[in-house]
Protein backbone atom coordinates (compact mmCIF):
# COMPACT_ATOMS: atom_id res chain seq x y z
CA MET A 1 111.05 10.72 57.27
CA THR A 2 109.74 11.71 60.58
CA GLU A 3 112.23 12.38 63.56
CA ALA A 4 111.19 9.28 65.43
CA SER A 5 111.44 6.85 62.38
CA ILE A 6 115.15 7.76 62.06
CA PHE A 7 115.73 6.04 65.26
CA GLN A 8 113.10 3.29 65.22
CA ASN A 9 114.89 -0.40 65.56
CA LYS A 10 118.14 1.25 66.04
CA LYS A 11 120.63 0.02 68.99
CA ALA A 12 123.24 1.91 70.63
CA ALA A 13 126.30 1.06 72.60
CA TYR A 14 127.64 3.34 75.37
CA TYR A 15 131.09 3.60 76.91
CA THR A 16 132.11 6.17 79.49
CA LEU A 17 135.56 7.09 80.74
CA GLY A 18 136.23 9.28 83.82
CA CYS A 19 134.19 11.25 86.48
CA LYS A 20 130.53 10.76 87.76
CA LEU A 21 129.81 13.84 85.68
CA ASN A 22 130.70 12.00 82.49
CA PHE A 23 128.64 9.06 83.58
CA ALA A 24 125.71 11.33 84.17
CA GLU A 25 126.06 12.89 80.86
CA THR A 26 126.29 9.62 78.92
CA SER A 27 123.28 8.18 80.96
CA SER A 28 121.25 11.24 80.07
CA VAL A 29 122.14 10.78 76.24
CA GLY A 30 121.02 7.13 76.54
CA LYS A 31 117.70 8.15 78.15
CA LEU A 32 117.14 10.71 75.35
CA LEU A 33 117.75 8.12 72.63
CA LYS A 34 115.56 5.49 74.35
CA GLN A 35 112.76 8.09 74.17
CA MET A 36 113.21 8.17 70.44
CA GLY A 37 113.13 4.39 70.14
CA VAL A 38 116.82 3.23 70.43
CA GLU A 39 117.51 0.29 72.48
CA THR A 40 120.66 -0.33 74.32
CA VAL A 41 122.65 -3.33 72.76
CA ARG A 42 122.75 -6.50 74.83
CA GLU A 43 125.93 -8.54 74.94
CA GLY A 44 126.90 -9.97 71.75
CA GLU A 45 124.46 -7.71 69.64
CA LYS A 46 125.73 -5.23 67.08
CA ALA A 47 125.25 -1.53 67.70
CA ASP A 48 124.03 1.05 64.98
CA ILE A 49 125.32 3.91 66.97
CA CYS A 50 128.12 3.99 69.32
CA ILE A 51 128.62 6.91 71.96
CA ILE A 52 132.04 7.31 73.58
CA ASN A 53 132.36 9.88 76.49
CA THR A 54 136.10 10.50 76.95
CA CYS A 55 138.18 11.73 79.72
CA SER A 56 141.61 13.42 79.64
CA VAL A 57 142.72 13.97 83.21
CA THR A 58 145.96 11.96 82.77
CA GLU A 59 148.16 10.60 79.95
CA VAL A 60 146.62 6.99 81.00
CA ALA A 61 143.11 8.46 80.50
CA ASP A 62 143.93 9.54 77.13
CA HIS A 63 145.48 6.17 76.23
CA LYS A 64 142.25 4.46 77.62
CA CYS A 65 140.08 6.59 75.44
CA ARG A 66 141.88 5.55 72.21
CA GLN A 67 141.75 1.87 73.39
CA ALA A 68 138.10 2.32 74.02
CA ILE A 69 137.45 3.67 70.58
CA HIS A 70 139.45 1.05 68.85
CA LYS A 71 137.43 -1.70 70.78
CA MET A 72 134.15 -0.09 70.04
CA VAL A 73 134.80 0.23 66.28
CA LYS A 74 135.97 -3.35 66.17
CA GLN A 75 133.02 -4.88 68.25
CA HIS A 76 130.39 -2.72 66.17
CA PRO A 77 131.69 -2.66 62.52
CA GLY A 78 129.54 -0.14 60.56
CA ALA A 79 128.24 1.65 63.36
CA PHE A 80 127.98 5.30 63.44
CA VAL A 81 130.59 6.35 66.05
CA VAL A 82 130.37 9.61 68.13
CA VAL A 83 133.10 10.46 70.60
CA THR A 84 132.69 13.34 72.78
CA GLY A 85 134.10 14.40 76.22
CA CYS A 86 137.32 16.07 77.54
CA TYR A 87 139.70 14.15 75.21
CA ALA A 88 137.32 15.03 72.20
CA GLN A 89 137.48 18.63 73.15
CA LEU A 90 141.34 18.85 73.66
CA LYS A 91 142.47 16.65 70.83
CA PRO A 92 139.77 16.74 68.21
CA GLY A 93 142.11 15.95 65.29
CA VAL A 94 143.79 13.17 66.94
CA VAL A 95 140.38 11.47 67.82
CA SER A 96 138.52 12.21 64.47
CA ALA A 97 141.59 10.50 62.61
CA ILE A 98 141.07 7.25 64.37
CA GLU A 99 139.63 4.57 61.97
CA GLY A 100 135.98 4.17 62.40
CA VAL A 101 135.25 7.49 63.90
CA ASP A 102 132.39 9.27 62.16
CA LEU A 103 131.75 12.35 64.57
CA VAL A 104 133.68 14.43 67.29
CA LEU A 105 131.69 16.74 69.52
CA GLY A 106 133.36 19.24 71.62
CA ALA A 107 132.09 20.68 75.08
CA GLU A 108 129.83 23.20 73.19
CA GLN A 109 128.38 20.76 70.98
CA LYS A 110 127.74 17.56 73.03
CA GLY A 111 124.32 18.87 74.16
CA ASP A 112 123.15 18.78 70.59
CA ILE A 113 124.08 15.13 70.10
CA LEU A 114 120.50 14.26 69.02
CA LYS A 115 120.40 16.92 66.21
CA TYR A 116 123.70 15.71 64.64
CA LEU A 117 122.37 12.25 64.67
CA GLU A 118 119.04 13.20 63.26
CA GLU A 119 120.94 15.03 60.44
CA ARG A 120 123.40 12.27 59.73
CA LEU A 121 121.78 8.83 60.18
CA PRO A 122 119.43 9.13 57.22
CA LEU A 123 122.37 9.62 54.95
CA LEU A 124 124.18 6.40 55.77
CA PRO A 125 124.35 3.57 53.37
CA GLN A 126 123.00 0.31 54.76
CA GLU A 127 126.44 -1.49 54.53
CA ARG A 128 129.21 0.31 56.04
CA LYS A 129 132.67 -0.53 56.92
CA PRO A 130 134.95 1.29 59.57
CA ALA A 131 136.95 2.76 56.48
CA ASP A 132 133.62 4.52 55.53
CA ALA A 133 133.57 6.62 58.51
CA ALA A 134 133.20 10.36 58.04
CA HIS A 135 135.97 11.76 60.37
CA GLU A 136 133.85 15.01 61.21
CA SER A 137 135.01 17.04 64.04
CA HIS A 138 133.01 19.99 65.52
CA THR A 139 134.64 21.89 68.42
CA VAL A 140 134.99 25.60 69.51
CA ALA A 141 137.75 27.52 71.28
CA VAL A 142 137.63 27.24 75.10
CA LYS A 143 136.62 30.82 75.42
CA ASP A 144 133.48 30.07 73.30
CA ILE A 145 132.31 27.15 75.56
CA ARG A 146 129.21 28.84 77.01
CA THR A 147 126.27 26.15 77.00
CA PHE A 148 125.15 24.34 79.94
CA ALA A 149 123.81 20.99 78.92
CA PRO A 150 121.50 19.55 81.48
CA SER A 151 121.96 16.06 82.82
CA CYS A 152 119.81 14.10 85.25
CA SER A 153 119.92 10.25 84.90
CA CYS A 154 120.61 7.00 86.76
CA GLY A 155 121.58 4.82 83.74
CA ASP A 156 121.55 1.21 85.12
CA ARG A 157 122.18 2.29 88.83
CA THR A 158 119.81 3.03 91.59
CA ARG A 159 121.01 6.49 92.67
CA TYR A 160 120.44 9.58 90.16
CA PHE A 161 123.16 11.83 89.20
CA LEU A 162 122.26 15.58 88.83
CA LYS A 163 124.60 17.88 87.01
CA VAL A 164 124.30 21.26 88.64
CA GLN A 165 127.55 23.07 87.21
CA ASP A 166 130.07 22.60 84.59
CA GLY A 167 133.60 24.00 83.86
CA CYS A 168 136.00 25.81 86.05
CA ASP A 169 137.67 28.98 86.39
CA TYR A 170 140.51 27.95 88.74
CA TYR A 171 143.25 27.17 86.32
CA CYS A 172 145.30 25.07 88.74
CA THR A 173 148.77 24.58 87.27
CA TYR A 174 148.37 20.77 86.98
CA CYS A 175 144.89 20.56 85.37
CA THR A 176 143.49 20.59 81.72
CA ILE A 177 139.82 20.86 82.91
CA PRO A 178 139.35 24.42 82.20
CA PHE A 179 140.57 23.93 78.70
CA ALA A 180 138.34 20.91 78.06
CA ARG A 181 135.15 22.04 79.75
CA GLY A 182 135.27 25.89 79.55
CA ARG A 183 134.43 28.38 82.16
CA SER A 184 132.37 27.77 85.16
CA ARG A 185 128.40 27.94 84.33
CA ASN A 186 125.26 26.32 85.66
CA GLY A 187 121.60 25.69 85.35
CA SER A 188 119.22 27.63 87.35
CA ILE A 189 117.77 26.58 90.60
CA ALA A 190 114.26 26.50 89.23
CA SER A 191 115.28 24.14 86.42
CA LEU A 192 117.36 21.85 88.75
CA VAL A 193 114.27 21.52 91.21
CA GLU A 194 112.29 20.67 88.33
CA GLN A 195 114.73 17.94 87.33
CA ALA A 196 114.77 16.63 91.03
CA GLU A 197 110.92 16.62 91.07
CA GLY A 198 111.10 14.50 87.72
CA VAL A 199 113.30 11.92 89.64
CA ALA A 200 110.76 11.82 92.53
CA ARG A 201 108.05 11.11 89.98
CA GLU A 202 110.14 8.18 88.40
CA GLY A 203 110.54 6.80 91.98
CA GLY A 204 114.07 7.69 92.48
CA LYS A 205 114.99 8.34 96.17
CA GLU A 206 118.85 9.61 96.13
CA ILE A 207 120.35 12.14 94.22
CA VAL A 208 124.14 12.82 93.99
CA LEU A 209 124.72 16.52 92.99
CA THR A 210 127.58 16.49 90.38
CA GLY A 211 129.76 19.07 88.48
CA VAL A 212 133.37 20.20 87.86
CA ASN A 213 133.41 22.90 90.68
CA ILE A 214 129.96 22.77 92.35
CA GLY A 215 130.73 25.02 95.13
CA ASP A 216 131.21 27.69 92.39
CA PHE A 217 127.52 27.25 91.46
CA GLY A 218 125.76 30.51 90.39
CA ARG A 219 128.27 32.09 88.05
CA THR A 220 125.61 31.93 85.22
CA THR A 221 122.49 32.67 87.11
CA LYS A 222 123.55 34.86 90.19
CA GLU A 223 122.38 32.31 92.43
CA SER A 224 124.23 30.35 95.25
CA PHE A 225 125.06 26.81 96.02
CA LEU A 226 123.48 27.37 99.48
CA ASP A 227 120.35 28.50 98.01
CA LEU A 228 120.26 25.50 95.69
CA ILE A 229 120.73 22.88 98.47
CA LYS A 230 117.86 24.65 100.34
CA ALA A 231 115.65 24.50 97.35
CA LEU A 232 116.43 20.85 96.56
CA ASP A 233 115.78 19.84 100.18
CA GLN A 234 112.07 20.83 99.72
CA VAL A 235 111.57 18.43 96.97
CA GLU A 236 108.99 15.72 98.27
CA GLY A 237 109.84 12.10 97.40
CA ILE A 238 113.77 12.70 97.29
CA GLU A 239 114.89 11.02 100.69
CA ARG A 240 118.71 11.52 100.15
CA TYR A 241 121.17 14.03 98.56
CA ARG A 242 124.95 13.80 98.41
CA ILE A 243 127.38 16.31 97.35
CA SER A 244 130.00 14.69 95.14
CA SER A 245 132.90 16.99 95.54
CA ILE A 246 133.30 20.53 96.76
CA GLU A 247 136.38 22.71 97.00
CA PRO A 248 137.21 23.41 100.63
CA ASN A 249 137.43 27.27 100.21
CA LEU A 250 133.75 27.22 98.93
CA LEU A 251 132.51 24.82 101.67
CA THR A 252 131.16 27.54 103.70
CA ASP A 253 130.09 27.11 107.41
CA GLU A 254 126.56 28.15 106.29
CA ILE A 255 126.61 25.13 103.92
CA LEU A 256 127.96 22.77 106.75
CA GLN A 257 125.26 24.03 109.25
CA TYR A 258 122.38 23.63 106.91
CA CYS A 259 123.35 20.08 105.88
CA ALA A 260 123.81 19.26 109.59
CA THR A 261 120.21 20.17 110.13
CA SER A 262 118.57 19.37 106.70
CA ARG A 263 115.94 17.04 106.05
CA ALA A 264 117.83 14.89 103.18
CA PHE A 265 121.20 15.93 102.87
CA MET A 266 123.49 12.95 103.94
CA PRO A 267 126.63 13.19 106.49
CA HIS A 268 128.80 12.57 103.53
CA PHE A 269 131.45 14.99 101.95
CA HIS A 270 134.29 14.58 99.51
CA ILE A 271 136.66 17.26 99.55
CA PRO A 272 139.75 17.78 97.38
CA LEU A 273 143.04 18.13 99.29
CA GLN A 274 145.40 17.28 96.23
CA SER A 275 148.56 17.86 98.80
CA GLY A 276 149.13 18.11 102.48
CA SER A 277 151.98 20.23 101.80
CA ASP A 278 151.48 24.00 101.92
CA GLU A 279 154.49 24.48 99.59
CA VAL A 280 152.93 22.14 97.00
CA LEU A 281 149.50 23.76 97.32
CA ARG A 282 151.22 27.04 96.28
CA LEU A 283 153.01 25.47 93.35
CA MET A 284 149.40 23.94 92.44
CA ARG A 285 147.97 27.33 92.69
CA ARG A 286 145.21 26.01 95.07
CA LYS A 287 143.07 28.52 96.70
CA TYR A 288 143.56 27.31 100.38
CA ASP A 289 146.18 25.94 102.75
CA THR A 290 146.48 23.11 105.11
CA ALA A 291 145.17 25.22 108.00
CA LEU A 292 141.83 25.95 106.15
CA PHE A 293 141.50 22.44 105.08
CA ARG A 294 141.80 21.09 108.69
CA SER A 295 139.48 23.77 110.02
CA LYS A 296 136.77 22.37 107.42
CA VAL A 297 137.27 18.78 108.64
CA GLU A 298 137.25 19.65 112.24
CA ARG A 299 133.97 21.65 111.49
CA ILE A 300 132.29 18.85 109.68
CA CYS A 301 133.41 16.51 112.63
CA GLU A 302 131.90 19.01 115.11
CA LEU A 303 128.56 19.43 113.47
CA MET A 304 128.14 15.81 112.00
CA PRO A 305 130.18 13.53 114.22
CA ASP A 306 129.21 10.50 112.00
CA ALA A 307 130.06 12.14 108.67
CA PHE A 308 132.07 10.27 106.01
CA ILE A 309 134.77 12.54 104.71
CA GLY A 310 136.46 11.34 101.37
CA VAL A 311 139.63 13.37 100.20
CA ASP A 312 141.48 13.52 97.01
CA VAL A 313 145.29 13.56 96.90
CA ILE A 314 147.75 13.76 93.99
CA VAL A 315 151.27 12.35 94.45
CA GLY A 316 154.40 13.15 92.55
CA THR A 317 153.55 16.63 91.19
CA ARG A 318 156.38 18.65 89.87
CA GLY A 319 158.02 20.22 92.88
CA GLU A 320 156.90 17.66 95.57
CA THR A 321 160.33 16.67 97.02
CA GLU A 322 160.48 13.92 99.36
CA ALA A 323 160.42 16.29 102.38
CA TYR A 324 157.18 17.84 101.05
CA PHE A 325 155.60 14.47 100.55
CA GLU A 326 156.52 13.57 104.07
CA ASP A 327 155.01 16.74 105.35
CA ALA A 328 151.81 15.71 103.47
CA CYS A 329 151.92 12.40 104.96
CA ARG A 330 151.82 13.76 108.43
CA PHE A 331 149.17 16.11 107.78
CA ILE A 332 146.85 13.51 106.18
CA GLU A 333 147.65 11.21 108.93
CA SER A 334 146.45 13.70 111.66
CA LEU A 335 143.12 14.47 109.82
CA ASP A 336 139.78 12.64 111.12
CA ILE A 337 138.91 11.62 107.58
CA SER A 338 137.43 8.40 106.15
CA GLN A 339 139.01 7.51 102.95
CA LEU A 340 141.57 8.90 100.41
CA HIS A 341 141.30 8.87 96.50
CA VAL A 342 144.90 8.84 95.48
CA PHE A 343 146.04 9.79 92.08
CA SER A 344 149.49 9.96 90.44
CA TYR A 345 150.47 13.26 88.77
CA SER A 346 150.37 13.16 85.07
CA GLU A 347 152.21 15.71 82.74
CA ARG A 348 149.53 17.53 80.74
CA PRO A 349 150.54 19.66 77.59
CA GLY A 350 149.65 23.32 78.03
CA THR A 351 149.64 23.33 81.94
CA LYS A 352 151.65 25.76 83.97
CA ALA A 353 152.94 22.59 86.03
CA LEU A 354 155.56 22.06 83.15
CA GLU A 355 157.50 25.24 84.13
CA ILE A 356 158.04 23.86 87.81
CA ASP A 357 161.45 22.37 88.58
CA HIS A 358 161.93 18.88 90.19
CA GLN A 359 160.21 15.89 88.61
CA VAL A 360 159.39 12.96 90.46
CA SER A 361 160.21 9.36 88.80
CA ALA A 362 157.44 6.82 87.87
CA GLU A 363 158.82 4.46 90.35
CA GLU A 364 158.84 7.03 93.21
CA LYS A 365 155.18 8.13 92.30
CA HIS A 366 154.22 4.40 92.57
CA ARG A 367 155.97 4.21 95.92
CA ARG A 368 154.19 7.35 97.48
CA SER A 369 150.86 5.98 95.91
CA GLN A 370 151.23 2.94 97.94
CA ILE A 371 151.97 4.68 101.01
CA LEU A 372 148.81 6.76 100.72
CA LEU A 373 146.74 3.83 99.86
CA GLU A 374 147.72 1.97 102.76
CA LEU A 375 146.93 4.89 104.73
CA SER A 376 143.52 5.33 103.12
CA ASP A 377 142.83 1.54 104.06
CA ARG A 378 143.76 2.01 107.56
CA LYS A 379 141.33 5.02 107.79
CA LEU A 380 138.51 3.36 106.24
CA ASN A 381 138.63 0.13 108.23
CA ALA A 382 138.79 2.46 111.32
CA PHE A 383 135.83 4.34 110.13
CA TYR A 384 133.63 1.16 109.34
CA ARG A 385 134.64 -0.51 112.60
CA ARG A 386 133.64 2.46 114.58
CA TYR A 387 129.85 1.82 113.51
CA LEU A 388 129.91 -1.99 113.80
CA GLY A 389 127.01 -3.09 116.02
CA GLN A 390 124.95 0.12 115.22
CA GLU A 391 121.79 0.38 113.27
CA ARG A 392 121.77 2.59 110.09
CA SER A 393 119.54 3.07 107.00
CA VAL A 394 120.47 1.59 103.92
CA LEU A 395 119.48 2.34 100.33
CA LEU A 396 119.19 -1.01 98.49
CA GLU A 397 120.94 -1.06 95.07
CA ARG A 398 120.44 -3.11 92.20
CA SER A 399 122.19 -6.54 92.20
CA LYS A 400 122.49 -9.39 89.63
CA ASN A 401 121.87 -11.82 92.34
CA PRO A 402 118.45 -11.04 94.29
CA LEU A 403 119.95 -12.94 97.35
CA VAL A 404 122.99 -10.46 97.62
CA MET A 405 122.13 -6.91 97.96
CA HIS A 406 124.48 -4.06 98.21
CA GLY A 407 123.94 -0.45 99.16
CA PHE A 408 125.14 2.51 101.37
CA THR A 409 124.14 3.69 104.63
CA ASP A 410 123.39 7.48 105.15
CA ASN A 411 127.22 7.93 106.07
CA TYR A 412 128.25 6.14 103.12
CA ILE A 413 129.26 2.81 104.65
CA LYS A 414 129.12 0.23 101.83
CA VAL A 415 127.24 -2.88 103.12
CA GLU A 416 126.47 -6.37 102.00
CA LEU A 417 123.12 -8.22 102.76
CA HIS A 418 122.12 -11.81 102.33
CA PRO A 419 118.39 -11.66 103.10
CA ASP A 420 116.43 -14.83 103.41
CA ALA A 421 114.15 -13.79 100.46
CA PRO A 422 114.69 -11.51 97.43
CA LEU A 423 114.27 -7.76 98.09
CA GLU A 424 113.63 -5.05 95.86
CA ASP A 425 116.11 -2.41 95.06
CA ASN A 426 115.62 1.36 95.54
CA ARG A 427 114.12 0.74 99.00
CA ILE A 428 115.48 2.34 102.12
CA VAL A 429 115.80 -0.30 104.96
CA LYS A 430 117.21 -0.40 108.59
CA VAL A 431 119.96 -2.72 109.10
CA ARG A 432 122.44 -3.68 111.70
CA LEU A 433 126.07 -3.51 110.78
CA MET A 434 127.65 -6.76 111.87
CA ASP A 435 131.31 -7.23 110.92
CA LEU A 436 133.91 -6.04 108.35
CA ASN A 437 134.45 -8.17 105.29
CA GLU A 438 138.08 -7.23 104.49
CA GLU A 439 138.09 -9.24 101.18
CA ASN A 440 135.47 -6.91 99.48
CA GLY A 441 135.83 -3.86 101.58
CA MET A 442 132.13 -3.92 102.69
CA VAL A 443 130.40 -4.44 106.03
CA ASN A 444 128.24 -7.47 106.43
CA ALA A 445 124.67 -6.17 107.65
CA GLN A 446 121.48 -7.85 108.67
CA LEU A 447 117.85 -6.45 107.98
CA ILE A 448 115.95 -5.33 111.29
């Protein structure tokens, strides 16, 4: 049996939970299987293969992963079910024991998913039930996770996501990612430029750089993130790059100065703050304080006055007293930022945070989340309103309705267009920003 014939006429279903990096990885697996002849299932069809890429950033994420697995097994009885991702690495025994799960692949093995499928699919009987699942598991200890699995794909989106780095060496007290993804590692600049050139050949115009701790790029290859963005900026055909998230202590002035004058890097940054209280930052073992964070925001605003600045914040961590939370609110309120991504702290087994006194109740976490979400809405609305009446460039994104187009401006304002005639997606057009639609959180725009 040839390699290709194993996959011919097979259909696959995909389910991804968690971060952009997970979506990029799942999309790359889907692209690989498509090249082998596997079609993505349409609604109502039964899949032969199910791929579930999991997250484990919170207890809620773990629960959603289990729900997703049960749902996929029920929707596609008899399918060969593969589960990978962070939850699979952290809890392989729990995952492999779920009814219908055939194969669990940890962080080191997920890059070899095609090989595992090639070996196992020919051995399957034609008629299978969830009870016939193999419940096989392959993981290694976190210290042995060394492989960097390349990933660059857009899935059913317009923008491409290029994985440049994986893993993390920071071991913040609240976080399990280093245990799920291993130590910091990366692809070479040459290999990443080659992937970006491939995107350009496919007609892609925008690439989002993804990773776990992308500012730490270079651990594997002795290169630097600054050298990476300089090299990517030279790739002809790619008109836009975005940096998905970068630690404030790794966002150097050299990086900011380069982005401010670069050909294709957009005025858009996402920076994890996690807490606006220096005391809580110390408990978290973050590698900066609020003074450093403020200096980065101010420098971005100085170099790129139009920049969109998104910020991650966690509420209700162990040790976050009411006074510390109030300090954090005042600090965040004072920052010239565009939007907050607010997360409620979740207890994670094996983390150092469990040794910290003072727990915050679920009700209080919810209250604090609402306060910051309201602050985020105010800041986002103020940012959007600042640009009403202006002209900006927008990359048109795929839409089910050809007479309603969405997209983002260079500085990440989400717009909605109602053209007189259908427009093709993946085009960069000039628009005028008209008014804010508070119902959908977008700005109505008109083509120029």
